[in-house]
């Protein structure tokens, strides 16, 4: 028997926002850059992409809205840093899916074993 953990609507909406924000290749590249090099100012982040500072800023705002990055101010610089909680939420969701499929495959294996034993 499969047991599926029900996700509350609010949690589902948050996960949807996170996945939508992470669906863009540029935003994933920004997340990777920040994960590898730590907090960066927007200008430094923009220097890694062939697009305007304004375009990079828009991508960062989408990531901020989803909670994937946070902005903090040091002197005159706005530093952008990765937030792990949303990434952990994605990981939990994928772990739930893996568990469901593992249970289904185990049930299928059990059924096939019974059928071949007959």
PDB file of N, CA and C in Angstrom:
ATOM      1  N   UNK A   1       0.849  -1.174   0.000  1.00  0.00           N
ATOM      2  CA  UNK A   1       0.000   0.000   0.000  1.00  0.00           C
ATOM      3  C   UNK A   1       0.896   1.240   0.000  1.00  0.00           C
ATOM      4  N   UNK A   2       0.516   2.219  -0.785  1.00  0.00           N
ATOM      5  CA  UNK A   2       1.288   3.449  -0.871  1.00  0.00           C
ATOM      6  C   UNK A   2       0.739   4.493   0.083  1.00  0.00           C
ATOM      7  N   UNK A   3       1.631   5.122   0.777  1.00  0.00           N
ATOM      8  CA  UNK A   3       1.233   6.228   1.640  1.00  0.00           C
ATOM      9  C   UNK A   3       1.847   7.492   1.067  1.00  0.00           C
ATOM     10  N   UNK A   4       1.001   8.394   0.673  1.00  0.00           N
ATOM     11  CA  UNK A   4       1.468   9.643   0.093  1.00  0.00           C
ATOM     12  C   UNK A   4       1.272  10.749   1.109  1.00  0.00           C
ATOM     13  N   UNK A   5       2.365  11.418   1.425  1.00  0.00           N
ATOM     14  CA  UNK A   5       2.277  12.530   2.367  1.00  0.00           C
ATOM     15  C   UNK A   5       1.592  13.696   1.665  1.00  0.00           C
ATOM     16  N   UNK A   6       0.506  14.140   2.259  1.00  0.00           N
ATOM     17  CA  UNK A   6      -0.236  15.258   1.691  1.00  0.00           C
ATOM     18  C   UNK A   6       0.483  16.560   2.018  1.00  0.00           C
ATOM     19  N   UNK A   7       0.586  17.405   1.033  1.00  0.00           N
ATOM     20  CA  UNK A   7       1.264  18.678   1.197  1.00  0.00           C
ATOM     21  C   UNK A   7       0.209  19.764   1.319  1.00  0.00           C
ATOM     22  N   UNK A   8       0.342  20.596   2.325  1.00  0.00           N
ATOM     23  CA  UNK A   8      -0.607  21.693   2.499  1.00  0.00           C
ATOM     24  C   UNK A   8      -0.504  22.644   1.315  1.00  0.00           C
ATOM     25  N   UNK A   9      -1.607  23.323   1.006  1.00  0.00           N
ATOM     26  CA  UNK A   9      -1.652  24.219  -0.144  1.00  0.00           C
ATOM     27  C   UNK A   9      -0.584  25.299  -0.054  1.00  0.00           C
ATOM     28  N   UNK A  10      -0.399  25.883   1.119  1.00  0.00           N
ATOM     29  CA  UNK A  10       0.589  26.949   1.280  1.00  0.00           C
ATOM     30  C   UNK A  10       1.989  26.432   0.970  1.00  0.00           C
ATOM     31  N   UNK A  11       2.311  25.259   1.464  1.00  0.00           N
ATOM     32  CA  UNK A  11       3.612  24.646   1.212  1.00  0.00           C
ATOM     33  C   UNK A  11       3.770  24.337  -0.271  1.00  0.00           C
ATOM     34  N   UNK A  12       2.699  23.852  -0.899  1.00  0.00           N
ATOM     35  CA  UNK A  12       2.725  23.539  -2.325  1.00  0.00           C
ATOM     36  C   UNK A  12       2.980  24.800  -3.140  1.00  0.00           C
ATOM     37  N   UNK A  13       2.296  25.897  -2.801  1.00  0.00           N
ATOM     38  CA  UNK A  13       2.488  27.152  -3.517  1.00  0.00           C
ATOM     39  C   UNK A  13       3.921  27.648  -3.375  1.00  0.00           C
ATOM     40  N   UNK A  14       4.486  27.501  -2.182  1.00  0.00           N
ATOM     41  CA  UNK A  14       5.868  27.919  -1.952  1.00  0.00           C
ATOM     42  C   UNK A  14       6.813  27.082  -2.804  1.00  0.00           C
ATOM     43  N   UNK A  15       6.589  25.781  -2.843  1.00  0.00           N
ATOM     44  CA  UNK A  15       7.415  24.891  -3.652  1.00  0.00           C
ATOM     45  C   UNK A  15       7.293  25.249  -5.130  1.00  0.00           C
ATOM     46  N   UNK A  16       6.089  25.574  -5.574  1.00  0.00           N
ATOM     47  CA  UNK A  16       5.875  25.984  -6.962  1.00  0.00           C
ATOM     48  C   UNK A  16       6.682  27.233  -7.278  1.00  0.00           C
ATOM     49  N   UNK A  17       6.659  28.223  -6.386  1.00  0.00           N
ATOM     50  CA  UNK A  17       7.438  29.451  -6.586  1.00  0.00           C
ATOM     51  C   UNK A  17       8.931  29.153  -6.667  1.00  0.00           C
ATOM     52  N   UNK A  18       9.401  28.272  -5.797  1.00  0.00           N
ATOM     53  CA  UNK A  18      10.821  27.919  -5.776  1.00  0.00           C
ATOM     54  C   UNK A  18      11.211  27.243  -7.093  1.00  0.00           C
ATOM     55  N   UNK A  19      10.408  26.270  -7.523  1.00  0.00           N
ATOM     56  CA  UNK A  19      10.726  25.541  -8.752  1.00  0.00           C
ATOM     57  C   UNK A  19      10.630  26.438  -9.985  1.00  0.00           C
ATOM     58  N   UNK A  20       9.656  27.342 -10.010  1.00  0.00           N
ATOM     59  CA  UNK A  20       9.553  28.284 -11.134  1.00  0.00           C
ATOM     60  C   UNK A  20      10.789  29.172 -11.197  1.00  0.00           C
ATOM     61  N   UNK A  21      11.214  29.677 -10.042  1.00  0.00           N
ATOM     62  CA  UNK A  21      12.396  30.545 -10.007  1.00  0.00           C
ATOM     63  C   UNK A  21      13.636  29.789 -10.464  1.00  0.00           C
ATOM     64  N   UNK A  22      13.732  28.526 -10.080  1.00  0.00           N
ATOM     65  CA  UNK A  22      14.911  27.720 -10.423  1.00  0.00           C
ATOM     66  C   UNK A  22      14.825  27.120 -11.825  1.00  0.00           C
ATOM     67  N   UNK A  23      13.715  27.333 -12.516  1.00  0.00           N
ATOM     68  CA  UNK A  23      13.550  26.734 -13.842  1.00  0.00           C
ATOM     69  C   UNK A  23      14.349  27.456 -14.923  1.00  0.00           C
ATOM     70  N   UNK A  24      14.779  28.675 -14.652  1.00  0.00           N
ATOM     71  CA  UNK A  24      15.512  29.458 -15.644  1.00  0.00           C
ATOM     72  C   UNK A  24      17.013  29.153 -15.566  1.00  0.00           C
ATOM     73  N   UNK A  25      17.667  28.871 -16.698  1.00  0.00           N
ATOM     74  CA  UNK A  25      19.097  28.544 -16.679  1.00  0.00           C
ATOM     75  C   UNK A  25      19.975  29.656 -16.100  1.00  0.00           C
ATOM     76  N   UNK A  26      19.638  30.905 -16.376  1.00  0.00           N
ATOM     77  CA  UNK A  26      20.433  32.011 -15.832  1.00  0.00           C
ATOM     78  C   UNK A  26      20.323  32.051 -14.318  1.00  0.00           C
ATOM     79  N   UNK A  27      19.121  31.874 -13.795  1.00  0.00           N
ATOM     80  CA  UNK A  27      18.952  31.900 -12.342  1.00  0.00           C
ATOM     81  C   UNK A  27      19.653  30.714 -11.682  1.00  0.00           C
ATOM     82  N   UNK A  28      19.625  29.554 -12.339  1.00  0.00           N
ATOM     83  CA  UNK A  28      20.376  28.411 -11.796  1.00  0.00           C
ATOM     84  C   UNK A  28      21.869  28.702 -11.809  1.00  0.00           C
ATOM     85  N   UNK A  29      22.344  29.369 -12.842  1.00  0.00           N
ATOM     86  CA  UNK A  29      23.764  29.732 -12.914  1.00  0.00           C
ATOM     87  C   UNK A  29      24.121  30.722 -11.804  1.00  0.00           C
ATOM     88  N   UNK A  30      23.227  31.655 -11.507  1.00  0.00           N
ATOM     89  CA  UNK A  30      23.455  32.596 -10.399  1.00  0.00           C
ATOM     90  C   UNK A  30      23.545  31.827  -9.085  1.00  0.00           C
ATOM     91  N   UNK A  31      22.636  30.894  -8.863  1.00  0.00           N
ATOM     92  CA  UNK A  31      22.670  30.082  -7.637  1.00  0.00           C
ATOM     93  C   UNK A  31      23.971  29.292  -7.532  1.00  0.00           C
ATOM     94  N   UNK A  32      24.402  28.709  -8.644  1.00  0.00           N
ATOM     95  CA  UNK A  32      25.653  27.943  -8.651  1.00  0.00           C
ATOM     96  C   UNK A  32      26.839  28.842  -8.343  1.00  0.00           C
ATOM     97  N   UNK A  33      26.872  30.011  -8.965  1.00  0.00           N
ATOM     98  CA  UNK A  33      27.945  30.981  -8.720  1.00  0.00           C
ATOM     99  C   UNK A  33      28.017  31.350  -7.246  1.00  0.00           C
ATOM    100  N   UNK A  34      26.871  31.656  -6.662  1.00  0.00           N
ATOM    101  CA  UNK A  34      26.837  32.046  -5.249  1.00  0.00           C
ATOM    102  C   UNK A  34      27.199  30.876  -4.337  1.00  0.00           C
ATOM    103  N   UNK A  35      26.774  29.676  -4.694  1.00  0.00           N
ATOM    104  CA  UNK A  35      27.113  28.499  -3.885  1.00  0.00           C
ATOM    105  C   UNK A  35      28.618  28.235  -3.917  1.00  0.00           C
ATOM    106  N   UNK A  36      29.236  28.456  -5.077  1.00  0.00           N
ATOM    107  CA  UNK A  36      30.667  28.192  -5.221  1.00  0.00           C
ATOM    108  C   UNK A  36      31.543  29.281  -4.611  1.00  0.00           C
ATOM    109  N   UNK A  37      31.110  30.539  -4.730  1.00  0.00           N
ATOM    110  CA  UNK A  37      31.975  31.655  -4.348  1.00  0.00           C
ATOM    111  C   UNK A  37      31.482  32.463  -3.157  1.00  0.00           C
ATOM    112  N   UNK A  38      30.340  32.100  -2.605  1.00  0.00           N
ATOM    113  CA  UNK A  38      29.817  32.833  -1.461  1.00  0.00           C
ATOM    114  C   UNK A  38      29.127  34.117  -1.879  1.00  0.00           C
ATOM    115  N   UNK A  39      28.745  34.927  -0.889  1.00  0.00           N
ATOM    116  CA  UNK A  39      28.012  36.161  -1.173  1.00  0.00           C
ATOM    117  C   UNK A  39      28.759  37.062  -2.158  1.00  0.00           C
ATOM    118  N   UNK A  40      28.004  37.640  -3.072  1.00  0.00           N
ATOM    119  CA  UNK A  40      28.569  38.519  -4.104  1.00  0.00           C
ATOM    120  C   UNK A  40      27.680  39.744  -4.256  1.00  0.00           C
ATOM    121  N   UNK A  41      28.295  40.856  -4.647  1.00  0.00           N
ATOM    122  CA  UNK A  41      27.481  42.029  -4.964  1.00  0.00           C
ATOM    123  C   UNK A  41      26.891  41.831  -6.361  1.00  0.00           C
ATOM    124  N   UNK A  42      25.826  42.534  -6.638  1.00  0.00           N
ATOM    125  CA  UNK A  42      25.108  42.375  -7.902  1.00  0.00           C
ATOM    126  C   UNK A  42      26.032  42.647  -9.085  1.00  0.00           C
ATOM    127  N   UNK A  43      26.903  43.641  -8.963  1.00  0.00           N
ATOM    128  CA  UNK A  43      27.828  43.980 -10.049  1.00  0.00           C
ATOM    129  C   UNK A  43      28.758  42.814 -10.359  1.00  0.00           C
ATOM    130  N   UNK A  44      29.276  42.161  -9.329  1.00  0.00           N
ATOM    131  CA  UNK A  44      30.147  40.999  -9.550  1.00  0.00           C
ATOM    132  C   UNK A  44      29.383  39.857 -10.208  1.00  0.00           C
ATOM    133  N   UNK A  45      28.159  39.639  -9.762  1.00  0.00           N
ATOM    134  CA  UNK A  45      27.337  38.579 -10.361  1.00  0.00           C
ATOM    135  C   UNK A  45      27.114  38.890 -11.837  1.00  0.00           C
ATOM    136  N   UNK A  46      26.750  40.130 -12.143  1.00  0.00           N
ATOM    137  CA  UNK A  46      26.470  40.532 -13.524  1.00  0.00           C
ATOM    138  C   UNK A  46      27.689  40.360 -14.419  1.00  0.00           C
ATOM    139  N   UNK A  47      28.889  40.511 -13.851  1.00  0.00           N
ATOM    140  CA  UNK A  47      30.116  40.356 -14.628  1.00  0.00           C
ATOM    141  C   UNK A  47      30.312  38.957 -15.190  1.00  0.00           C
ATOM    142  N   UNK A  48      29.610  37.991 -14.678  1.00  0.00           N
ATOM    143  CA  UNK A  48      29.725  36.612 -15.154  1.00  0.00           C
ATOM    144  C   UNK A  48      28.745  36.285 -16.285  1.00  0.00           C
ATOM    145  N   UNK A  49      27.908  37.246 -16.643  1.00  0.00           N
ATOM    146  CA  UNK A  49      26.874  36.986 -17.641  1.00  0.00           C
ATOM    147  C   UNK A  49      26.937  38.019 -18.756  1.00  0.00           C
ATOM    148  N   UNK A  50      26.572  37.592 -19.940  1.00  0.00           N
ATOM    149  CA  UNK A  50      26.543  38.500 -21.085  1.00  0.00           C
ATOM    150  C   UNK A  50      25.158  39.122 -21.204  1.00  0.00           C
ATOM    151  N   UNK A  51      24.812  39.903 -20.192  1.00  0.00           N
ATOM    152  CA  UNK A  51      23.541  40.628 -20.192  1.00  0.00           C
ATOM    153  C   UNK A  51      23.712  41.869 -19.331  1.00  0.00           C
ATOM    154  N   UNK A  52      22.771  42.758 -19.411  1.00  0.00           N
ATOM    155  CA  UNK A  52      22.877  44.017 -18.676  1.00  0.00           C
ATOM    156  C   UNK A  52      22.734  43.794 -17.172  1.00  0.00           C
ATOM    157  N   UNK A  53      23.244  44.747 -16.425  1.00  0.00           N
ATOM    158  CA  UNK A  53      23.114  44.725 -14.969  1.00  0.00           C
ATOM    159  C   UNK A  53      21.636  44.691 -14.583  1.00  0.00           C
ATOM    160  N   UNK A  54      20.820  45.438 -15.317  1.00  0.00           N
ATOM    161  CA  UNK A  54      19.380  45.475 -15.053  1.00  0.00           C
ATOM    162  C   UNK A  54      18.745  44.090 -15.234  1.00  0.00           C
ATOM    163  N   UNK A  55      19.141  43.369 -16.275  1.00  0.00           N
ATOM    164  CA  UNK A  55      18.592  42.025 -16.510  1.00  0.00           C
ATOM    165  C   UNK A  55      18.989  41.063 -15.399  1.00  0.00           C
ATOM    166  N   UNK A  56      20.253  41.123 -14.986  1.00  0.00           N
ATOM    167  CA  UNK A  56      20.713  40.261 -13.892  1.00  0.00           C
ATOM    168  C   UNK A  56      19.960  40.611 -12.614  1.00  0.00           C
ATOM    169  N   UNK A  57      19.756  41.898 -12.370  1.00  0.00           N
ATOM    170  CA  UNK A  57      19.010  42.333 -11.180  1.00  0.00           C
ATOM    171  C   UNK A  57      17.597  41.766 -11.170  1.00  0.00           C
ATOM    172  N   UNK A  58      16.961  41.719 -12.334  1.00  0.00           N
ATOM    173  CA  UNK A  58      15.609  41.155 -12.418  1.00  0.00           C
ATOM    174  C   UNK A  58      15.617  39.670 -12.063  1.00  0.00           C
ATOM    175  N   UNK A  59      16.624  38.949 -12.540  1.00  0.00           N
ATOM    176  CA  UNK A  59      16.740  37.528 -12.195  1.00  0.00           C
ATOM    177  C   UNK A  59      16.936  37.359 -10.688  1.00  0.00           C
ATOM    178  N   UNK A  60      17.765  38.206 -10.106  1.00  0.00           N
ATOM    179  CA  UNK A  60      18.026  38.131  -8.666  1.00  0.00           C
ATOM    180  C   UNK A  60      16.746  38.415  -7.880  1.00  0.00           C
ATOM    181  N   UNK A  61      15.947  39.365  -8.344  1.00  0.00           N
ATOM    182  CA  UNK A  61      14.689  39.673  -7.653  1.00  0.00           C
ATOM    183  C   UNK A  61      13.726  38.480  -7.673  1.00  0.00           C
ATOM    184  N   UNK A  62      13.704  37.735  -8.770  1.00  0.00           N
ATOM    185  CA  UNK A  62      12.867  36.529  -8.834  1.00  0.00           C
ATOM    186  C   UNK A  62      13.364  35.505  -7.816  1.00  0.00           C
ATOM    187  N   UNK A  63      14.690  35.340  -7.738  1.00  0.00           N
ATOM    188  CA  UNK A  63      15.274  34.413  -6.763  1.00  0.00           C
ATOM    189  C   UNK A  63      14.978  34.865  -5.334  1.00  0.00           C
ATOM    190  N   UNK A  64      15.036  36.178  -5.102  1.00  0.00           N
ATOM    191  CA  UNK A  64      14.722  36.721  -3.767  1.00  0.00           C
ATOM    192  C   UNK A  64      13.269  36.450  -3.396  1.00  0.00           C
ATOM    193  N   UNK A  65      12.370  36.698  -4.333  1.00  0.00           N
ATOM    194  CA  UNK A  65      10.939  36.507  -4.068  1.00  0.00           C
ATOM    195  C   UNK A  65      10.640  35.052  -3.699  1.00  0.00           C
ATOM    196  N   UNK A  66      11.363  34.119  -4.319  1.00  0.00           N
ATOM    197  CA  UNK A  66      11.173  32.693  -4.028  1.00  0.00           C
ATOM    198  C   UNK A  66      11.914  32.268  -2.765  1.00  0.00           C
ATOM    199  N   UNK A  67      12.730  33.166  -2.213  1.00  0.00           N
ATOM    200  CA  UNK A  67      13.473  32.852  -0.997  1.00  0.00           C
ATOM    201  C   UNK A  67      14.767  32.095  -1.239  1.00  0.00           C
ATOM    202  N   UNK A  68      15.159  31.945  -2.508  1.00  0.00           N
ATOM    203  CA  UNK A  68      16.378  31.204  -2.831  1.00  0.00           C
ATOM    204  C   UNK A  68      17.651  31.988  -2.530  1.00  0.00           C
ATOM    205  N   UNK A  69      17.551  33.310  -2.544  1.00  0.00           N
ATOM    206  CA  UNK A  69      18.678  34.159  -2.160  1.00  0.00           C
ATOM    207  C   UNK A  69      18.177  35.251  -1.229  1.00  0.00           C
ATOM    208  N   UNK A  70      19.105  35.812  -0.482  1.00  0.00           N
ATOM    209  CA  UNK A  70      18.784  36.944   0.397  1.00  0.00           C
ATOM    210  C   UNK A  70      19.794  38.046   0.132  1.00  0.00           C
ATOM    211  N   UNK A  71      19.361  39.250   0.397  1.00  0.00           N
ATOM    212  CA  UNK A  71      20.209  40.422   0.190  1.00  0.00           C
ATOM    213  C   UNK A  71      20.542  41.017   1.550  1.00  0.00           C
ATOM    214  N   UNK A  72      21.812  41.329   1.740  1.00  0.00           N
ATOM    215  CA  UNK A  72      22.214  42.052   2.946  1.00  0.00           C
ATOM    216  C   UNK A  72      23.137  43.188   2.532  1.00  0.00           C
ATOM    217  N   UNK A  73      23.152  44.224   3.327  1.00  0.00           N
ATOM    218  CA  UNK A  73      23.938  45.401   2.994  1.00  0.00           C
ATOM    219  C   UNK A  73      25.167  45.485   3.881  1.00  0.00           C
ATOM    220  N   UNK A  74      26.317  45.661   3.250  1.00  0.00           N
ATOM    221  CA  UNK A  74      27.570  45.938   3.954  1.00  0.00           C
ATOM    222  C   UNK A  74      28.119  47.222   3.360  1.00  0.00           C
ATOM    223  N   UNK A  75      28.154  48.234   4.172  1.00  0.00           N
ATOM    224  CA  UNK A  75      28.520  49.575   3.721  1.00  0.00           C
ATOM    225  C   UNK A  75      27.603  49.980   2.590  1.00  0.00           C
ATOM    226  N   UNK A  76      28.140  50.163   1.414  1.00  0.00           N
ATOM    227  CA  UNK A  76      27.309  50.585   0.286  1.00  0.00           C
ATOM    228  C   UNK A  76      26.952  49.428  -0.636  1.00  0.00           C
ATOM    229  N   UNK A  77      27.475  48.270  -0.357  1.00  0.00           N
ATOM    230  CA  UNK A  77      27.243  47.125  -1.234  1.00  0.00           C
ATOM    231  C   UNK A  77      26.060  46.285  -0.766  1.00  0.00           C
ATOM    232  N   UNK A  78      25.317  45.824  -1.740  1.00  0.00           N
ATOM    233  CA  UNK A  78      24.247  44.862  -1.478  1.00  0.00           C
ATOM    234  C   UNK A  78      24.797  43.492  -1.855  1.00  0.00           C
ATOM    235  N   UNK A  79      24.987  42.653  -0.854  1.00  0.00           N
ATOM    236  CA  UNK A  79      25.507  41.310  -1.103  1.00  0.00           C
ATOM    237  C   UNK A  79      24.349  40.321  -1.214  1.00  0.00           C
ATOM    238  N   UNK A  80      24.452  39.453  -2.196  1.00  0.00           N
ATOM    239  CA  UNK A  80      23.438  38.437  -2.444  1.00  0.00           C
ATOM    240  C   UNK A  80      24.027  37.099  -2.012  1.00  0.00           C
ATOM    241  N   UNK A  81      23.251  36.335  -1.237  1.00  0.00           N
ATOM    242  CA  UNK A  81      23.740  35.030  -0.792  1.00  0.00           C
ATOM    243  C   UNK A  81      22.643  33.980  -0.900  1.00  0.00           C
ATOM    244  N   UNK A  82      23.066  32.744  -1.126  1.00  0.00           N
ATOM    245  CA  UNK A  82      22.139  31.611  -1.260  1.00  0.00           C
ATOM    246  C   UNK A  82      21.504  31.305   0.090  1.00  0.00           C
ATOM    247  N   UNK A  83      20.232  30.952   0.053  1.00  0.00           N
ATOM    248  CA  UNK A  83      19.507  30.500   1.243  1.00  0.00           C
ATOM    249  C   UNK A  83      19.242  29.007   1.087  1.00  0.00           C
ATOM    250  N   UNK A  84      19.640  28.234   2.063  1.00  0.00           N
ATOM    251  CA  UNK A  84      19.553  26.779   1.952  1.00  0.00           C
ATOM    252  C   UNK A  84      18.148  26.214   2.191  1.00  0.00           C
ATOM    253  N   UNK A  85      17.329  26.864   2.989  1.00  0.00           N
ATOM    254  CA  UNK A  85      16.017  26.304   3.345  1.00  0.00           C
ATOM    255  C   UNK A  85      15.166  25.940   2.119  1.00  0.00           C
ATOM    256  N   UNK A  86      15.041  26.814   1.109  1.00  0.00           N
ATOM    257  CA  UNK A  86      14.239  26.428  -0.056  1.00  0.00           C
ATOM    258  C   UNK A  86      14.845  25.254  -0.829  1.00  0.00           C
ATOM    259  N   UNK A  87      16.174  25.192  -0.882  1.00  0.00           N
ATOM    260  CA  UNK A  87      16.826  24.080  -1.570  1.00  0.00           C
ATOM    261  C   UNK A  87      16.574  22.776  -0.829  1.00  0.00           C
ATOM    262  N   UNK A  88      16.555  22.849   0.492  1.00  0.00           N
ATOM    263  CA  UNK A  88      16.254  21.665   1.300  1.00  0.00           C
ATOM    264  C   UNK A  88      14.802  21.232   1.105  1.00  0.00           C
ATOM    265  N   UNK A  89      13.912  22.206   0.900  1.00  0.00           N
ATOM    266  CA  UNK A  89      12.501  21.883   0.649  1.00  0.00           C
ATOM    267  C   UNK A  89      12.344  21.127  -0.672  1.00  0.00           C
ATOM    268  N   UNK A  90      13.081  21.562  -1.700  1.00  0.00           N
ATOM    269  CA  UNK A  90      13.072  20.855  -2.986  1.00  0.00           C
ATOM    270  C   UNK A  90      13.608  19.437  -2.792  1.00  0.00           C
ATOM    271  N   UNK A  91      14.690  19.325  -2.040  1.00  0.00           N
ATOM    272  CA  UNK A  91      15.303  18.019  -1.791  1.00  0.00           C
ATOM    273  C   UNK A  91      14.326  17.076  -1.086  1.00  0.00           C
ATOM    274  N   UNK A  92      13.588  17.603  -0.096  1.00  0.00           N
ATOM    275  CA  UNK A  92      12.596  16.780   0.611  1.00  0.00           C
ATOM    276  C   UNK A  92      11.495  16.307  -0.339  1.00  0.00           C
ATOM    277  N   UNK A  93      11.058  17.203  -1.207  1.00  0.00           N
ATOM    278  CA  UNK A  93      10.002  16.853  -2.153  1.00  0.00           C
ATOM    279  C   UNK A  93      10.474  15.741  -3.093  1.00  0.00           C
ATOM    280  N   UNK A  94      11.706  15.881  -3.627  1.00  0.00           N
ATOM    281  CA  UNK A  94      12.248  14.828  -4.489  1.00  0.00           C
ATOM    282  C   UNK A  94      12.447  13.530  -3.713  1.00  0.00           C
ATOM    283  N   UNK A  95      12.848  13.623  -2.457  1.00  0.00           N
ATOM    284  CA  UNK A  95      13.004  12.420  -1.622  1.00  0.00           C
ATOM    285  C   UNK A  95      11.657  11.713  -1.456  1.00  0.00           C
ATOM    286  N   UNK A  96      10.591  12.493  -1.263  1.00  0.00           N
ATOM    287  CA  UNK A  96       9.246  11.904  -1.168  1.00  0.00           C
ATOM    288  C   UNK A  96       8.885  11.170  -2.461  1.00  0.00           C
ATOM    289  N   UNK A  97       9.180  11.799  -3.603  1.00  0.00           N
ATOM    290  CA  UNK A  97       8.888  11.154  -4.891  1.00  0.00           C
ATOM    291  C   UNK A  97       9.696   9.869  -5.065  1.00  0.00           C
ATOM    292  N   UNK A  98      10.986   9.913  -4.696  1.00  0.00           N
ATOM    293  CA  UNK A  98      11.820   8.710  -4.792  1.00  0.00           C
ATOM    294  C   UNK A  98      11.254   7.596  -3.924  1.00  0.00           C
ATOM    295  N   UNK A  99      10.795   7.952  -2.736  1.00  0.00           N
ATOM    296  CA  UNK A  99      10.232   6.965  -1.817  1.00  0.00           C
ATOM    297  C   UNK A  99       8.965   6.334  -2.399  1.00  0.00           C
ATOM    298  N   UNK A 100       8.113   7.153  -2.967  1.00  0.00           N
ATOM    299  CA  UNK A 100       6.880   6.648  -3.584  1.00  0.00           C
ATOM    300  C   UNK A 100       7.217   5.672  -4.708  1.00  0.00           C
ATOM    301  N   UNK A 101       8.149   6.056  -5.577  1.00  0.00           N
ATOM    302  CA  UNK A 101       8.510   5.175  -6.690  1.00  0.00           C
ATOM    303  C   UNK A 101       9.209   3.917  -6.200  1.00  0.00           C
ATOM    304  N   UNK A 102      10.014   4.021  -5.166  1.00  0.00           N
ATOM    305  CA  UNK A 102      10.668   2.829  -4.609  1.00  0.00           C
ATOM    306  C   UNK A 102       9.617   1.857  -4.083  1.00  0.00           C
ATOM    307  N   UNK A 103       8.588   2.383  -3.417  1.00  0.00           N
ATOM    308  CA  UNK A 103       7.507   1.531  -2.908  1.00  0.00           C
ATOM    309  C   UNK A 103       6.750   0.862  -4.055  1.00  0.00           C
ATOM    310  N   UNK A 104       6.499   1.622  -5.106  1.00  0.00           N
ATOM    311  CA  UNK A 104       5.777   1.065  -6.254  1.00  0.00           C
ATOM    312  C   UNK A 104       6.592  -0.033  -6.931  1.00  0.00           C
ATOM    313  N   UNK A 105       7.892   0.214  -7.092  1.00  0.00           N
ATOM    314  CA  UNK A 105       8.749  -0.787  -7.724  1.00  0.00           C
ATOM    315  C   UNK A 105       8.884  -2.032  -6.854  1.00  0.00           C
ATOM    316  N   UNK A 106       8.948  -1.820  -5.552  1.00  0.00           N
ATOM    317  CA  UNK A 106       9.017  -2.951  -4.620  1.00  0.00           C
ATOM    318  C   UNK A 106       7.738  -3.788  -4.703  1.00  0.00           C
ATOM    319  N   UNK A 107       6.586  -3.131  -4.777  1.00  0.00           N
ATOM    320  CA  UNK A 107       5.308  -3.846  -4.896  1.00  0.00           C
ATOM    321  C   UNK A 107       5.246  -4.613  -6.215  1.00  0.00           C
ATOM    322  N   UNK A 108       5.732  -4.002  -7.287  1.00  0.00           N
ATOM    323  CA  UNK A 108       5.756  -4.669  -8.584  1.00  0.00           C
ATOM    324  C   UNK A 108       6.694  -5.877  -8.548  1.00  0.00           C
ATOM    325  N   UNK A 109       7.859  -5.709  -7.941  1.00  0.00           N
ATOM    326  CA  UNK A 109       8.813  -6.811  -7.810  1.00  0.00           C
ATOM    327  C   UNK A 109       8.193  -7.964  -7.026  1.00  0.00           C
ATOM    328  N   UNK A 110       7.502  -7.628  -5.948  1.00  0.00           N
ATOM    329  CA  UNK A 110       6.839  -8.651  -5.126  1.00  0.00           C
ATOM    330  C   UNK A 110       5.782  -9.395  -5.948  1.00  0.00           C
ATOM    331  N   UNK A 111       4.997  -8.651  -6.708  1.00  0.00           N
ATOM    332  CA  UNK A 111       3.959  -9.250  -7.547  1.00  0.00           C
ATOM    333  C   UNK A 111       4.571 -10.171  -8.601  1.00  0.00           C
ATOM    334  N   UNK A 112       5.639  -9.717  -9.245  1.00  0.00           N
ATOM    335  CA  UNK A 112       6.298 -10.532 -10.268  1.00  0.00           C
ATOM    336  C   UNK A 112       6.916 -11.791  -9.665  1.00  0.00           C
ATOM    337  N   UNK A 113       7.477 -11.662  -8.473  1.00  0.00           N
ATOM    338  CA  UNK A 113       8.052 -12.820  -7.787  1.00  0.00           C
ATOM    339  C   UNK A 113       6.970 -13.851  -7.490  1.00  0.00           C
ATOM    340  N   UNK A 114       5.815 -13.381  -7.046  1.00  0.00           N
ATOM    341  CA  UNK A 114       4.693 -14.287  -6.763  1.00  0.00           C
ATOM    342  C   UNK A 114       4.202 -14.971  -8.039  1.00  0.00           C
ATOM    343  N   UNK A 115       4.119 -14.214  -9.124  1.00  0.00           N
ATOM    344  CA  UNK A 115       3.622 -14.762 -10.391  1.00  0.00           C
ATOM    345  C   UNK A 115       4.585 -15.809 -10.946  1.00  0.00           C
ATOM    346  N   UNK A 116       5.877 -15.571 -10.824  1.00  0.00           N
ATOM    347  CA  UNK A 116       6.850 -16.536 -11.350  1.00  0.00           C
ATOM    348  C   UNK A 116       6.931 -17.777 -10.482  1.00  0.00           C
ATOM    349  N   UNK A 117       6.580 -17.657  -9.214  1.00  0.00           N
ATOM    350  CA  UNK A 117       6.616 -18.803  -8.303  1.00  0.00           C
ATOM    351  C   UNK A 117       5.463 -19.769  -8.567  1.00  0.00           C
ATOM    352  N   UNK A 118       4.439 -19.328  -9.259  1.00  0.00           N
ATOM    353  CA  UNK A 118       3.253 -20.174  -9.517  1.00  0.00           C
ATOM    354  C   UNK A 118       3.518 -21.234 -10.548  1.00  0.00           C
TER     355      UNK A 118
END
